[in-house]
Amino acid sequence: MRILAMAVAFLSIHFIATSQSAYEIKANIKPFNKGYFYLAYHFGNKQYLIDSAKIEPSGDAVFTGTKKLQGGVYLVVFPEKNGWVECMIDKDVKFSLKADTSKLLQSLQFENSILIPEVIEKLAGLILRKI
């Protein structure tokens, strides 16, 4: 009986530990309301797709995974793979982003992200100066 109780306890701990996601990234980028967003990362001068998330009719998509993401610059790639939004990922990988492609820099919003509004404004200024 004691062995059975220990086995049940071990399995319970195992299922609780594996059911928690290591990352959860919510994205809502207008005008997309069907298809898939793709999660990618930079390595050198290349980008690699690592996950996809189905876009619901509401425009919401959620990337989840049990494998911890390494810190760095990641991309949420648009369905046609013709554009993306970059985000920095560090230790806590549970955040959301909202944007509108018609005015991407002005509409970009992060919630629970390590990027703060002042950083976004500086980046927007640098990008606009290059254009």
Protein backbone atom coordinates (compact mmCIF):
# COMPACT_ATOMS: atom_id res chain seq x y z
CA MET A 1 0.00 0.00 0.00
CA ARG A 2 2.85 2.36 0.83
CA ILE A 3 4.46 1.71 -2.56
CA LEU A 4 1.17 2.46 -4.31
CA ALA A 5 0.83 5.77 -2.42
CA MET A 6 4.39 6.75 -3.35
CA ALA A 7 3.78 5.85 -7.00
CA VAL A 8 0.60 7.96 -7.10
CA ALA A 9 2.42 10.88 -5.47
CA PHE A 10 5.32 10.61 -7.92
CA LEU A 11 3.02 10.47 -10.94
CA SER A 12 0.99 13.42 -9.66
CA ILE A 13 4.11 15.54 -9.26
CA HIS A 14 5.31 14.46 -12.70
CA PHE A 15 2.02 15.39 -14.42
CA ILE A 16 1.81 18.74 -12.63
CA ALA A 17 5.39 19.59 -13.58
CA THR A 18 5.01 18.59 -17.22
CA SER A 19 1.61 20.19 -17.71
CA GLN A 20 2.92 23.68 -16.94
CA SER A 21 4.11 25.53 -19.99
CA ALA A 22 7.62 26.94 -20.06
CA TYR A 23 6.42 29.73 -22.34
CA GLU A 24 3.13 31.35 -23.24
CA ILE A 25 3.11 34.17 -25.75
CA LYS A 26 -0.22 35.70 -26.74
CA ALA A 27 -0.37 37.63 -29.99
CA ASN A 28 -3.08 39.71 -31.64
CA ILE A 29 -1.88 41.45 -34.77
CA LYS A 30 -4.48 43.13 -36.96
CA PRO A 31 -5.78 42.49 -39.60
CA PHE A 32 -5.03 38.76 -39.24
CA ASN A 33 -7.96 36.58 -38.14
CA LYS A 34 -7.12 33.23 -39.75
CA GLY A 35 -4.08 31.12 -40.54
CA TYR A 36 -1.04 30.80 -38.29
CA PHE A 37 1.52 33.05 -36.64
CA TYR A 38 5.01 31.58 -36.40
CA LEU A 39 7.54 31.96 -33.60
CA ALA A 40 11.14 32.19 -34.76
CA TYR A 41 14.52 33.15 -33.32
CA HIS A 42 17.71 34.73 -34.62
CA PHE A 43 20.91 32.71 -34.75
CA GLY A 44 23.71 34.52 -36.49
CA ASN A 45 22.31 36.03 -39.66
CA LYS A 46 19.54 33.42 -40.02
CA GLN A 47 16.10 32.95 -38.53
CA TYR A 48 14.62 29.60 -37.51
CA LEU A 49 10.94 28.75 -36.98
CA ILE A 50 10.31 26.94 -33.69
CA ASP A 51 6.54 27.08 -33.14
CA SER A 52 3.23 28.02 -34.70
CA ALA A 53 -0.06 29.23 -33.24
CA LYS A 54 -3.47 29.09 -34.89
CA ILE A 55 -5.12 32.48 -35.26
CA GLU A 56 -8.68 32.44 -33.96
CA PRO A 57 -11.44 34.48 -35.68
CA SER A 58 -11.01 37.05 -32.88
CA GLY A 59 -7.40 37.54 -34.02
CA ASP A 60 -5.94 35.93 -30.88
CA ALA A 61 -3.19 33.31 -31.10
CA VAL A 62 -1.24 31.67 -28.27
CA PHE A 63 2.19 30.05 -28.50
CA THR A 64 2.77 27.52 -25.71
CA GLY A 65 5.50 25.02 -25.11
CA THR A 66 7.05 22.96 -22.36
CA LYS A 67 10.65 23.49 -23.47
CA LYS A 68 12.21 26.61 -21.97
CA LEU A 69 13.21 29.25 -24.49
CA GLN A 70 16.71 30.68 -24.31
CA GLY A 71 17.03 34.41 -23.88
CA GLY A 72 17.37 36.43 -27.05
CA VAL A 73 15.52 38.14 -29.86
CA TYR A 74 12.49 36.28 -31.19
CA LEU A 75 10.08 37.06 -34.00
CA VAL A 76 6.33 36.63 -34.28
CA VAL A 77 6.04 36.09 -38.03
CA PHE A 78 2.89 37.01 -39.99
CA PRO A 79 0.88 34.27 -41.76
CA GLU A 80 2.24 35.07 -45.23
CA LYS A 81 5.77 35.20 -43.73
CA ASN A 82 6.17 38.68 -45.25
CA GLY A 83 6.61 40.56 -41.98
CA TRP A 84 7.14 40.12 -38.28
CA VAL A 85 7.28 41.72 -34.86
CA GLU A 86 10.47 41.29 -32.86
CA CYS A 87 10.48 40.80 -29.10
CA MET A 88 13.15 40.15 -26.51
CA ILE A 89 12.74 37.09 -24.35
CA ASP A 90 14.44 36.65 -21.01
CA LYS A 91 13.55 34.52 -17.96
CA ASP A 92 9.79 35.03 -17.72
CA VAL A 93 8.22 34.02 -20.98
CA LYS A 94 4.57 34.77 -20.35
CA PHE A 95 3.57 37.96 -22.12
CA SER A 96 1.25 39.30 -24.77
CA LEU A 97 1.60 41.64 -27.68
CA LYS A 98 -0.89 43.59 -29.76
CA ALA A 99 -0.31 45.49 -32.96
CA ASP A 100 -1.89 46.72 -36.16
CA THR A 101 0.15 46.29 -39.35
CA SER A 102 -1.25 49.51 -40.85
CA LYS A 103 0.59 51.51 -38.14
CA LEU A 104 2.90 48.95 -36.60
CA LEU A 105 5.27 51.17 -34.62
CA GLN A 106 2.53 53.38 -33.21
CA SER A 107 0.22 50.49 -32.25
CA LEU A 108 2.76 48.02 -30.83
CA GLN A 109 1.87 47.14 -27.23
CA PHE A 110 3.49 44.61 -24.91
CA GLU A 111 2.04 43.37 -21.63
CA ASN A 112 4.28 41.68 -19.02
CA SER A 113 7.28 42.07 -21.31
CA ILE A 114 10.80 43.21 -20.50
CA LEU A 115 10.43 45.92 -23.16
CA ILE A 116 9.24 49.15 -21.66
CA PRO A 117 7.53 52.00 -23.54
CA GLU A 118 10.64 54.19 -23.49
CA VAL A 119 12.66 51.48 -25.25
CA ILE A 120 9.94 51.02 -27.88
CA GLU A 121 9.91 54.79 -28.52
CA LYS A 122 13.70 54.86 -28.96
CA LEU A 123 13.58 51.89 -31.34
CA ALA A 124 10.76 53.50 -33.32
CA GLY A 125 12.79 56.70 -33.63
CA LEU A 126 15.82 54.80 -34.92
CA ILE A 127 13.75 52.89 -37.46
CA LEU A 128 11.97 56.01 -38.70
CA ARG A 129 15.32 57.80 -39.15
CA LYS A 130 16.57 54.96 -41.37
CA ILE A 131 13.50 55.22 -43.62
